[in-house]
Amino acid sequence: MELPLVVGVDGSEGSLPAVDWAVDEAARHGLPLRLVHGSLWERYEGRTPSIGPDRPAGRVSADHIVASAAERAGRRNPDVKVSTDVLLADATDALLREGNNATALITGSLGRGGLKGLLLGSVGLAVAARAHCPVIVVRGDRAGLAGTHRRILLGAGSPATGEEAVRFALRETEARGGVLDVVRAWRRAAHEAAETPDRDHEERARTELDDLLGAAMADHPGVRVHRTAVEGPARKVLVHRSAAADLVVVGARRRQGHFGLQLGMVAHTLLHHAACPVAVVPQHVGREPLP
């Protein structure tokens, strides 16, 4: 049985593009869609008016949020199977738990109560930094959201952070029938002699690209892949190239037994500034030995 795509909904304007994007994604992959709303309304039940003896206003509001999202999803594509749930939990905790039984988690870029100028809400950032399944934050300009570029952008990291991201990006590109643009950024180390030829750095970066893509490409022989080694900071290179992409994919290392935020600088920058949706794909590693 295929695990669903899980979408966090909160009734805000920022969550509407996430619902639309998720419906299209579910249709592409033939997956069911699960719309969830995390709410601690019971905690505040005594402070809010009730609607009838058994209908606290907080629960009515939560039910309305998921019902409205389901109605919107049905209008966009009635063939996608949609289920809903209201979870009595903080929004971040609810989504992280749902991620244990999801193909991916999908959130909007800014939730309820978001301040003007805040580029990513706290829920989206926390989920992207802690979830154990891929997380897609739906953000960007109109072309990026509409998927008109027919191009997936993969920020190629090291095998320690990027193998699962490669497989995710290949599957996504295959489902969309576009081109996978794989980019490996390189920079000359400060201590290196200026005489070191740039082509040496480029060749090393291309070798690293070949090693990373490796056997994963054999499972997707029909996917067109364009490989590029570019000089510059990876986060700036990828933000710039995201303007011509429908989705940018990056890996994130997840260490066993580590419960804090696990999100590198590149992923963090993209989540705040990319011109298209961003997929953060975790790469799980064992518990690191104590020093």
C-alpha atoms as a PDB file:
ATOM      1  CA  MET A   1       0.000   0.000   0.000  1.00  0.00           C
ATOM      2  CA  GLU A   2       1.381   3.410  -0.983  1.00  0.00           C
ATOM      3  CA  LEU A   3       1.839   5.855   1.859  1.00  0.00           C
ATOM      4  CA  PRO A   4      -0.027   9.158   1.373  1.00  0.00           C
ATOM      5  CA  LEU A   5       1.238  12.639   0.792  1.00  0.00           C
ATOM      6  CA  VAL A   6       0.455  14.504   4.012  1.00  0.00           C
ATOM      7  CA  VAL A   7      -0.351  18.205   3.839  1.00  0.00           C
ATOM      8  CA  GLY A   8      -0.452  20.496   6.844  1.00  0.00           C
ATOM      9  CA  VAL A   9      -3.371  22.929   6.571  1.00  0.00           C
ATOM     10  CA  ASP A  10      -4.153  25.810   8.898  1.00  0.00           C
ATOM     11  CA  GLY A  11      -6.758  27.890   7.072  1.00  0.00           C
ATOM     12  CA  SER A  12      -4.297  30.604   6.115  1.00  0.00           C
ATOM     13  CA  GLU A  13      -3.816  32.038   2.639  1.00  0.00           C
ATOM     14  CA  GLY A  14      -0.309  30.611   2.685  1.00  0.00           C
ATOM     15  CA  SER A  15      -1.585  27.049   2.940  1.00  0.00           C
ATOM     16  CA  LEU A  16      -3.804  27.257  -0.162  1.00  0.00           C
ATOM     17  CA  PRO A  17      -0.974  26.978  -2.734  1.00  0.00           C
ATOM     18  CA  ALA A  18       0.345  24.009  -0.740  1.00  0.00           C
ATOM     19  CA  VAL A  19      -2.997  22.205  -1.108  1.00  0.00           C
ATOM     20  CA  ASP A  20      -3.124  22.905  -4.850  1.00  0.00           C
ATOM     21  CA  TRP A  21       0.476  21.805  -5.359  1.00  0.00           C
ATOM     22  CA  ALA A  22      -0.055  18.660  -3.295  1.00  0.00           C
ATOM     23  CA  VAL A  23      -3.125  17.656  -5.314  1.00  0.00           C
ATOM     24  CA  ASP A  24      -1.129  17.878  -8.539  1.00  0.00           C
ATOM     25  CA  GLU A  25       1.739  15.946  -6.961  1.00  0.00           C
ATOM     26  CA  ALA A  26      -0.579  13.200  -5.730  1.00  0.00           C
ATOM     27  CA  ALA A  27      -2.081  12.873  -9.204  1.00  0.00           C
ATOM     28  CA  ARG A  28       1.379  12.611 -10.815  1.00  0.00           C
ATOM     29  CA  HIS A  29       2.419   9.771  -8.520  1.00  0.00           C
ATOM     30  CA  GLY A  30      -0.943   8.062  -8.088  1.00  0.00           C
ATOM     31  CA  LEU A  31      -0.905   8.641  -4.330  1.00  0.00           C
ATOM     32  CA  PRO A  32      -3.668   9.399  -1.826  1.00  0.00           C
ATOM     33  CA  LEU A  33      -3.701  12.792  -0.133  1.00  0.00           C
ATOM     34  CA  ARG A  34      -4.118  13.289   3.612  1.00  0.00           C
ATOM     35  CA  LEU A  35      -4.981  16.772   4.884  1.00  0.00           C
ATOM     36  CA  VAL A  36      -4.209  17.303   8.569  1.00  0.00           C
ATOM     37  CA  HIS A  37      -4.629  20.174  10.980  1.00  0.00           C
ATOM     38  CA  GLY A  38      -2.832  20.196  14.318  1.00  0.00           C
ATOM     39  CA  SER A  39      -4.705  22.099  17.003  1.00  0.00           C
ATOM     40  CA  LEU A  40      -4.586  22.369  20.783  1.00  0.00           C
ATOM     41  CA  TRP A  41      -8.148  23.672  20.898  1.00  0.00           C
ATOM     42  CA  GLU A  42      -9.020  21.487  23.917  1.00  0.00           C
ATOM     43  CA  ARG A  43      -6.463  23.395  25.988  1.00  0.00           C
ATOM     44  CA  TYR A  44      -8.375  26.615  25.343  1.00  0.00           C
ATOM     45  CA  GLU A  45     -11.880  25.168  25.411  1.00  0.00           C
ATOM     46  CA  GLY A  46     -12.799  26.998  28.593  1.00  0.00           C
ATOM     47  CA  ARG A  47     -11.802  30.317  27.047  1.00  0.00           C
ATOM     48  CA  THR A  48     -13.812  30.030  23.835  1.00  0.00           C
ATOM     49  CA  PRO A  49     -17.578  29.948  23.349  1.00  0.00           C
ATOM     50  CA  SER A  50     -19.317  26.694  22.524  1.00  0.00           C
ATOM     51  CA  ILE A  51     -21.626  26.128  19.596  1.00  0.00           C
ATOM     52  CA  GLY A  52     -24.190  23.827  21.120  1.00  0.00           C
ATOM     53  CA  PRO A  53     -23.524  21.466  24.064  1.00  0.00           C
ATOM     54  CA  ASP A  54     -21.082  19.194  22.208  1.00  0.00           C
ATOM     55  CA  ARG A  55     -19.416  21.552  19.737  1.00  0.00           C
ATOM     56  CA  PRO A  56     -16.697  23.770  21.216  1.00  0.00           C
ATOM     57  CA  ALA A  57     -15.864  26.639  18.915  1.00  0.00           C
ATOM     58  CA  GLY A  58     -12.246  25.498  18.632  1.00  0.00           C
ATOM     59  CA  ARG A  59     -13.252  22.117  17.299  1.00  0.00           C
ATOM     60  CA  VAL A  60     -15.758  23.667  14.891  1.00  0.00           C
ATOM     61  CA  SER A  61     -13.020  25.931  13.539  1.00  0.00           C
ATOM     62  CA  ALA A  62     -10.580  23.031  13.137  1.00  0.00           C
ATOM     63  CA  ASP A  63     -13.171  20.893  11.353  1.00  0.00           C
ATOM     64  CA  HIS A  64     -13.970  23.783   9.031  1.00  0.00           C
ATOM     65  CA  ILE A  65     -10.292  24.211   8.117  1.00  0.00           C
ATOM     66  CA  VAL A  66      -9.838  20.611   6.979  1.00  0.00           C
ATOM     67  CA  ALA A  67     -13.257  20.469   5.304  1.00  0.00           C
ATOM     68  CA  SER A  68     -12.522  23.616   3.288  1.00  0.00           C
ATOM     69  CA  ALA A  69      -9.130  22.242   2.247  1.00  0.00           C
ATOM     70  CA  ALA A  70     -10.726  18.947   1.180  1.00  0.00           C
ATOM     71  CA  GLU A  71     -13.346  20.803  -0.855  1.00  0.00           C
ATOM     72  CA  ARG A  72     -10.618  22.797  -2.582  1.00  0.00           C
ATOM     73  CA  ALA A  73      -8.655  19.622  -3.340  1.00  0.00           C
ATOM     74  CA  GLY A  74     -11.756  17.960  -4.777  1.00  0.00           C
ATOM     75  CA  ARG A  75     -12.415  20.889  -7.085  1.00  0.00           C
ATOM     76  CA  ARG A  76      -8.835  20.801  -8.356  1.00  0.00           C
ATOM     77  CA  ASN A  77      -8.809  17.073  -9.129  1.00  0.00           C
ATOM     78  CA  PRO A  78     -11.760  14.871  -8.153  1.00  0.00           C
ATOM     79  CA  ASP A  79      -9.803  11.722  -9.035  1.00  0.00           C
ATOM     80  CA  VAL A  80      -7.343  12.157  -6.167  1.00  0.00           C
ATOM     81  CA  LYS A  81      -8.383  10.269  -3.050  1.00  0.00           C
ATOM     82  CA  VAL A  82      -8.507  12.694  -0.104  1.00  0.00           C
ATOM     83  CA  SER A  83      -8.820  12.056   3.624  1.00  0.00           C
ATOM     84  CA  THR A  84      -8.749  14.540   6.505  1.00  0.00           C
ATOM     85  CA  ASP A  85      -8.006  14.587  10.207  1.00  0.00           C
ATOM     86  CA  VAL A  86      -7.837  17.027  13.098  1.00  0.00           C
ATOM     87  CA  LEU A  87      -5.048  16.103  15.496  1.00  0.00           C
ATOM     88  CA  LEU A  88      -4.986  17.274  19.092  1.00  0.00           C
ATOM     89  CA  ALA A  89      -1.364  18.359  19.016  1.00  0.00           C
ATOM     90  CA  ASP A  90       0.876  21.270  18.250  1.00  0.00           C
ATOM     91  CA  ALA A  91       1.107  21.706  14.473  1.00  0.00           C
ATOM     92  CA  THR A  92       4.807  20.841  14.311  1.00  0.00           C
ATOM     93  CA  ASP A  93       4.471  17.750  16.508  1.00  0.00           C
ATOM     94  CA  ALA A  94       1.416  16.605  14.572  1.00  0.00           C
ATOM     95  CA  LEU A  95       3.194  16.789  11.225  1.00  0.00           C
ATOM     96  CA  LEU A  96       6.357  15.138  12.512  1.00  0.00           C
ATOM     97  CA  ARG A  97       4.316  12.184  13.781  1.00  0.00           C
ATOM     98  CA  GLU A  98       2.369  12.001  10.529  1.00  0.00           C
ATOM     99  CA  GLY A  99       5.672  11.908   8.666  1.00  0.00           C
ATOM    100  CA  ASN A 100       6.372   8.459  10.078  1.00  0.00           C
ATOM    101  CA  ASN A 101       3.672   7.093   7.770  1.00  0.00           C
ATOM    102  CA  ALA A 102       3.926   9.408   4.783  1.00  0.00           C
ATOM    103  CA  THR A 103       5.591   9.404   1.397  1.00  0.00           C
ATOM    104  CA  ALA A 104       6.309  13.091   2.028  1.00  0.00           C
ATOM    105  CA  LEU A 105       5.136  16.027   4.132  1.00  0.00           C
ATOM    106  CA  ILE A 106       3.991  19.193   2.374  1.00  0.00           C
ATOM    107  CA  THR A 107       3.605  22.609   3.986  1.00  0.00           C
ATOM    108  CA  GLY A 108       3.039  26.172   2.901  1.00  0.00           C
ATOM    109  CA  SER A 109       5.753  28.762   3.213  1.00  0.00           C
ATOM    110  CA  LEU A 110       3.987  30.926   5.791  1.00  0.00           C
ATOM    111  CA  GLY A 111       1.255  29.975   8.201  1.00  0.00           C
ATOM    112  CA  ARG A 112      -1.292  31.750  10.350  1.00  0.00           C
ATOM    113  CA  GLY A 113      -0.087  34.820  12.161  1.00  0.00           C
ATOM    114  CA  GLY A 114       2.934  35.154   9.897  1.00  0.00           C
ATOM    115  CA  LEU A 115       4.670  38.494  10.083  1.00  0.00           C
ATOM    116  CA  LYS A 116       5.263  40.496   6.949  1.00  0.00           C
ATOM    117  CA  GLY A 117       8.854  39.937   5.864  1.00  0.00           C
ATOM    118  CA  LEU A 118       9.127  36.550   7.586  1.00  0.00           C
ATOM    119  CA  LEU A 119      10.085  34.289   4.695  1.00  0.00           C
ATOM    120  CA  LEU A 120       9.282  30.910   6.243  1.00  0.00           C
ATOM    121  CA  GLY A 121       7.006  30.132   9.156  1.00  0.00           C
ATOM    122  CA  SER A 122       8.326  28.344  12.238  1.00  0.00           C
ATOM    123  CA  VAL A 123       6.292  25.190  11.553  1.00  0.00           C
ATOM    124  CA  GLY A 124       7.649  24.724   8.038  1.00  0.00           C
ATOM    125  CA  LEU A 125      11.218  25.319   9.183  1.00  0.00           C
ATOM    126  CA  ALA A 126      10.983  22.953  12.153  1.00  0.00           C
ATOM    127  CA  VAL A 127       9.366  20.186  10.114  1.00  0.00           C
ATOM    128  CA  ALA A 128      11.930  20.491   7.317  1.00  0.00           C
ATOM    129  CA  ALA A 129      14.743  20.326   9.872  1.00  0.00           C
ATOM    130  CA  ARG A 130      13.471  17.332  11.865  1.00  0.00           C
ATOM    131  CA  ALA A 131      11.227  15.087   9.776  1.00  0.00           C
ATOM    132  CA  HIS A 132      12.360  11.585   8.834  1.00  0.00           C
ATOM    133  CA  CYS A 133      10.644  11.662   5.443  1.00  0.00           C
ATOM    134  CA  PRO A 134      11.003  14.156   2.581  1.00  0.00           C
ATOM    135  CA  VAL A 135       9.504  17.584   3.303  1.00  0.00           C
ATOM    136  CA  ILE A 136       8.344  19.914   0.530  1.00  0.00           C
ATOM    137  CA  VAL A 137       7.818  23.573   1.372  1.00  0.00           C
ATOM    138  CA  VAL A 138       5.615  25.140  -1.290  1.00  0.00           C
ATOM    139  CA  ARG A 139       6.916  28.601  -2.077  1.00  0.00           C
ATOM    140  CA  GLY A 140       8.128  30.614  -5.054  1.00  0.00           C
ATOM    141  CA  ASP A 141       6.852  32.618  -7.983  1.00  0.00           C
ATOM    142  CA  ARG A 142       3.882  31.822 -10.219  1.00  0.00           C
ATOM    143  CA  ALA A 143       5.913  29.921 -12.835  1.00  0.00           C
ATOM    144  CA  GLY A 144       7.650  27.804 -10.213  1.00  0.00           C
ATOM    145  CA  LEU A 145       4.377  26.918  -8.516  1.00  0.00           C
ATOM    146  CA  ALA A 146       2.696  26.109 -11.837  1.00  0.00           C
ATOM    147  CA  GLY A 147       5.483  23.747 -12.917  1.00  0.00           C
ATOM    148  CA  THR A 148       5.901  25.302 -16.343  1.00  0.00           C
ATOM    149  CA  HIS A 149       9.702  25.017 -16.516  1.00  0.00           C
ATOM    150  CA  ARG A 150       9.703  21.197 -16.800  1.00  0.00           C
ATOM    151  CA  ARG A 151      12.987  21.171 -14.908  1.00  0.00           C
ATOM    152  CA  ILE A 152      13.937  19.723 -11.516  1.00  0.00           C
ATOM    153  CA  LEU A 153      17.019  21.203  -9.836  1.00  0.00           C
ATOM    154  CA  LEU A 154      19.150  18.964  -7.624  1.00  0.00           C
ATOM    155  CA  GLY A 155      21.816  20.449  -5.387  1.00  0.00           C
ATOM    156  CA  ALA A 156      24.398  17.654  -5.382  1.00  0.00           C
ATOM    157  CA  GLY A 157      25.906  17.178  -1.948  1.00  0.00           C
ATOM    158  CA  SER A 158      28.201  14.472  -0.643  1.00  0.00           C
ATOM    159  CA  PRO A 159      27.113  10.793  -0.479  1.00  0.00           C
ATOM    160  CA  ALA A 160      26.682  11.303   3.279  1.00  0.00           C
ATOM    161  CA  THR A 161      23.850  13.770   2.668  1.00  0.00           C
ATOM    162  CA  GLY A 162      22.763  13.262  -0.928  1.00  0.00           C
ATOM    163  CA  GLU A 163      22.055   9.685  -1.998  1.00  0.00           C
ATOM    164  CA  GLU A 164      18.384   9.717  -1.018  1.00  0.00           C
ATOM    165  CA  ALA A 165      18.009  13.181  -2.527  1.00  0.00           C
ATOM    166  CA  VAL A 166      19.310  11.834  -5.849  1.00  0.00           C
ATOM    167  CA  ARG A 167      16.753   9.031  -5.883  1.00  0.00           C
ATOM    168  CA  PHE A 168      13.965  11.423  -4.934  1.00  0.00           C
ATOM    169  CA  ALA A 169      14.938  13.860  -7.696  1.00  0.00           C
ATOM    170  CA  LEU A 170      15.124  11.107 -10.315  1.00  0.00           C
ATOM    171  CA  ARG A 171      11.673   9.798  -9.388  1.00  0.00           C
ATOM    172  CA  GLU A 172      10.242  13.304  -9.460  1.00  0.00           C
ATOM    173  CA  THR A 173      11.758  14.085 -12.854  1.00  0.00           C
ATOM    174  CA  GLU A 174      10.530  10.791 -14.285  1.00  0.00           C
ATOM    175  CA  ALA A 175       6.985  11.485 -13.090  1.00  0.00           C
ATOM    176  CA  ARG A 176       7.027  14.946 -14.672  1.00  0.00           C
ATOM    177  CA  GLY A 177       8.798  14.009 -17.919  1.00  0.00           C
ATOM    178  CA  GLY A 178      11.215  16.916 -17.718  1.00  0.00           C
ATOM    179  CA  VAL A 179      14.952  17.393 -17.262  1.00  0.00           C
ATOM    180  CA  LEU A 180      16.970  16.854 -14.097  1.00  0.00           C
ATOM    181  CA  ASP A 181      19.496  19.664 -13.662  1.00  0.00           C
ATOM    182  CA  VAL A 182      22.188  18.396 -11.268  1.00  0.00           C
ATOM    183  CA  VAL A 183      24.503  21.094  -9.953  1.00  0.00           C
ATOM    184  CA  ARG A 184      27.686  20.674  -7.949  1.00  0.00           C
ATOM    185  CA  ALA A 185      29.109  23.957  -6.685  1.00  0.00           C
ATOM    186  CA  TRP A 186      32.806  24.263  -5.945  1.00  0.00           C
ATOM    187  CA  ARG A 187      35.031  26.925  -4.436  1.00  0.00           C
ATOM    188  CA  ARG A 188      38.757  27.425  -4.310  1.00  0.00           C
ATOM    189  CA  ALA A 189      40.014  26.997  -0.737  1.00  0.00           C
ATOM    190  CA  ALA A 190      41.513  30.127   0.798  1.00  0.00           C
ATOM    191  CA  HIS A 191      44.903  28.479   1.294  1.00  0.00           C
ATOM    192  CA  GLU A 192      45.162  27.206  -2.292  1.00  0.00           C
ATOM    193  CA  ALA A 193      47.610  28.792  -4.678  1.00  0.00           C
ATOM    194  CA  ALA A 194      46.039  31.045  -7.265  1.00  0.00           C
ATOM    195  CA  GLU A 195      47.955  29.092  -9.911  1.00  0.00           C
ATOM    196  CA  THR A 196      45.832  25.977  -9.368  1.00  0.00           C
ATOM    197  CA  PRO A 197      43.877  25.634 -12.643  1.00  0.00           C
ATOM    198  CA  ASP A 198      40.117  26.002 -12.430  1.00  0.00           C
ATOM    199  CA  ARG A 199      39.741  22.961 -14.640  1.00  0.00           C
ATOM    200  CA  ASP A 200      41.215  20.803 -11.849  1.00  0.00           C
ATOM    201  CA  HIS A 201      38.430  21.919  -9.535  1.00  0.00           C
ATOM    202  CA  GLU A 202      35.813  21.384 -12.222  1.00  0.00           C
ATOM    203  CA  GLU A 203      37.076  17.891 -13.004  1.00  0.00           C
ATOM    204  CA  ARG A 204      37.028  16.989  -9.319  1.00  0.00           C
ATOM    205  CA  ALA A 205      33.475  18.319  -8.999  1.00  0.00           C
ATOM    206  CA  ARG A 206      32.361  16.358 -12.071  1.00  0.00           C
ATOM    207  CA  THR A 207      33.922  13.188 -10.659  1.00  0.00           C
ATOM    208  CA  GLU A 208      32.011  13.754  -7.433  1.00  0.00           C
ATOM    209  CA  LEU A 209      28.830  14.194  -9.484  1.00  0.00           C
ATOM    210  CA  ASP A 210      29.421  10.879 -11.259  1.00  0.00           C
ATOM    211  CA  ASP A 211      30.063   9.120  -7.944  1.00  0.00           C
ATOM    212  CA  LEU A 212      26.912  10.562  -6.385  1.00  0.00           C
ATOM    213  CA  LEU A 213      24.594   9.769  -9.305  1.00  0.00           C
ATOM    214  CA  GLY A 214      26.142   6.336  -9.700  1.00  0.00           C
ATOM    215  CA  ALA A 215      23.824   3.355  -9.713  1.00  0.00           C
ATOM    216  CA  ALA A 216      20.699   5.420  -9.024  1.00  0.00           C
ATOM    217  CA  MET A 217      20.553   6.497 -12.652  1.00  0.00           C
ATOM    218  CA  ALA A 218      20.422   2.878 -13.822  1.00  0.00           C
ATOM    219  CA  ASP A 219      16.977   2.593 -12.221  1.00  0.00           C
ATOM    220  CA  HIS A 220      15.712   5.555 -14.277  1.00  0.00           C
ATOM    221  CA  PRO A 221      17.240   5.135 -17.735  1.00  0.00           C
ATOM    222  CA  GLY A 222      14.678   7.366 -19.418  1.00  0.00           C
ATOM    223  CA  VAL A 223      15.416  10.460 -17.333  1.00  0.00           C
ATOM    224  CA  ARG A 224      17.356  13.211 -19.083  1.00  0.00           C
ATOM    225  CA  VAL A 225      20.116  14.483 -16.787  1.00  0.00           C
ATOM    226  CA  HIS A 226      22.139  17.650 -17.242  1.00  0.00           C
ATOM    227  CA  ARG A 227      25.246  17.851 -15.041  1.00  0.00           C
ATOM    228  CA  THR A 228      26.977  21.116 -14.183  1.00  0.00           C
ATOM    229  CA  ALA A 229      29.954  22.035 -12.006  1.00  0.00           C
ATOM    230  CA  VAL A 230      29.770  25.711 -11.026  1.00  0.00           C
ATOM    231  CA  GLU A 231      32.158  27.911  -9.090  1.00  0.00           C
ATOM    232  CA  GLY A 232      30.550  29.751  -6.199  1.00  0.00           C
ATOM    233  CA  PRO A 233      28.728  29.275  -2.870  1.00  0.00           C
ATOM    234  CA  ALA A 234      26.211  26.456  -3.288  1.00  0.00           C
ATOM    235  CA  ARG A 235      23.382  28.351  -1.620  1.00  0.00           C
ATOM    236  CA  LYS A 236      23.726  31.347  -3.959  1.00  0.00           C
ATOM    237  CA  VAL A 237      24.137  29.173  -7.061  1.00  0.00           C
ATOM    238  CA  LEU A 238      21.011  27.158  -6.267  1.00  0.00           C
ATOM    239  CA  VAL A 239      18.840  30.153  -5.342  1.00  0.00           C
ATOM    240  CA  HIS A 240      19.769  31.760  -8.665  1.00  0.00           C
ATOM    241  CA  ARG A 241      19.009  28.593 -10.656  1.00  0.00           C
ATOM    242  CA  SER A 242      15.746  27.980  -8.809  1.00  0.00           C
ATOM    243  CA  ALA A 243      14.194  30.748 -10.924  1.00  0.00           C
ATOM    244  CA  ALA A 244      14.177  28.303 -13.858  1.00  0.00           C
ATOM    245  CA  ALA A 245      13.040  25.216 -11.913  1.00  0.00           C
ATOM    246  CA  ASP A 246       9.759  23.664 -10.790  1.00  0.00           C
ATOM    247  CA  LEU A 247      11.307  22.073  -7.700  1.00  0.00           C
ATOM    248  CA  VAL A 248      14.708  22.250  -6.051  1.00  0.00           C
ATOM    249  CA  VAL A 249      15.865  19.163  -4.158  1.00  0.00           C
ATOM    250  CA  VAL A 250      18.556  19.043  -1.472  1.00  0.00           C
ATOM    251  CA  GLY A 251      19.636  16.438   1.037  1.00  0.00           C
ATOM    252  CA  ALA A 252      19.845  16.819   4.806  1.00  0.00           C
ATOM    253  CA  ARG A 253      21.746  14.608   7.200  1.00  0.00           C
ATOM    254  CA  ARG A 254      19.689  13.020   9.987  1.00  0.00           C
ATOM    255  CA  ARG A 255      21.764  11.611  12.820  1.00  0.00           C
ATOM    256  CA  GLN A 256      20.229   8.862  14.934  1.00  0.00           C
ATOM    257  CA  GLY A 257      19.646   9.982  18.494  1.00  0.00           C
ATOM    258  CA  HIS A 258      19.969  13.692  17.655  1.00  0.00           C
ATOM    259  CA  PHE A 259      16.764  15.612  18.352  1.00  0.00           C
ATOM    260  CA  GLY A 260      17.685  19.180  17.477  1.00  0.00           C
ATOM    261  CA  LEU A 261      17.296  20.957  14.160  1.00  0.00           C
ATOM    262  CA  GLN A 262      19.289  19.180  11.458  1.00  0.00           C
ATOM    263  CA  LEU A 263      19.362  21.487   8.479  1.00  0.00           C
ATOM    264  CA  GLY A 264      22.415  22.705   6.602  1.00  0.00           C
ATOM    265  CA  MET A 265      23.026  26.264   5.468  1.00  0.00           C
ATOM    266  CA  VAL A 266      22.190  25.485   1.832  1.00  0.00           C
ATOM    267  CA  ALA A 267      18.769  24.013   2.652  1.00  0.00           C
ATOM    268  CA  HIS A 268      18.051  26.804   5.136  1.00  0.00           C
ATOM    269  CA  THR A 269      18.792  29.474   2.533  1.00  0.00           C
ATOM    270  CA  LEU A 270      16.674  27.792  -0.135  1.00  0.00           C
ATOM    271  CA  LEU A 271      13.698  27.459   2.214  1.00  0.00           C
ATOM    272  CA  HIS A 272      13.752  31.214   2.678  1.00  0.00           C
ATOM    273  CA  HIS A 273      14.708  32.449  -0.775  1.00  0.00           C
ATOM    274  CA  ALA A 274      14.090  29.881  -3.549  1.00  0.00           C
ATOM    275  CA  ALA A 275      11.857  30.897  -6.456  1.00  0.00           C
ATOM    276  CA  CYS A 276      10.155  27.486  -6.534  1.00  0.00           C
ATOM    277  CA  PRO A 277       9.067  24.771  -4.060  1.00  0.00           C
ATOM    278  CA  VAL A 278      11.886  23.165  -2.055  1.00  0.00           C
ATOM    279  CA  ALA A 279      12.196  19.461  -1.180  1.00  0.00           C
ATOM    280  CA  VAL A 280      14.439  18.582   1.757  1.00  0.00           C
ATOM    281  CA  VAL A 281      15.230  14.859   1.639  1.00  0.00           C
ATOM    282  CA  PRO A 282      16.736  13.289   4.767  1.00  0.00           C
ATOM    283  CA  GLN A 283      19.742  10.983   4.595  1.00  0.00           C
ATOM    284  CA  HIS A 284      19.765   8.810   7.700  1.00  0.00           C
ATOM    285  CA  VAL A 285      23.053   7.856   9.325  1.00  0.00           C
ATOM    286  CA  GLY A 286      23.855   5.913  12.470  1.00  0.00           C
ATOM    287  CA  ARG A 287      24.601   7.392  15.855  1.00  0.00           C
ATOM    288  CA  GLU A 288      27.986   9.049  15.777  1.00  0.00           C
ATOM    289  CA  PRO A 289      30.564   7.754  18.273  1.00  0.00           C
ATOM    290  CA  LEU A 290      31.272   9.851  21.325  1.00  0.00           C
ATOM    291  CA  PRO A 291      34.651  11.600  21.359  1.00  0.00           C
END
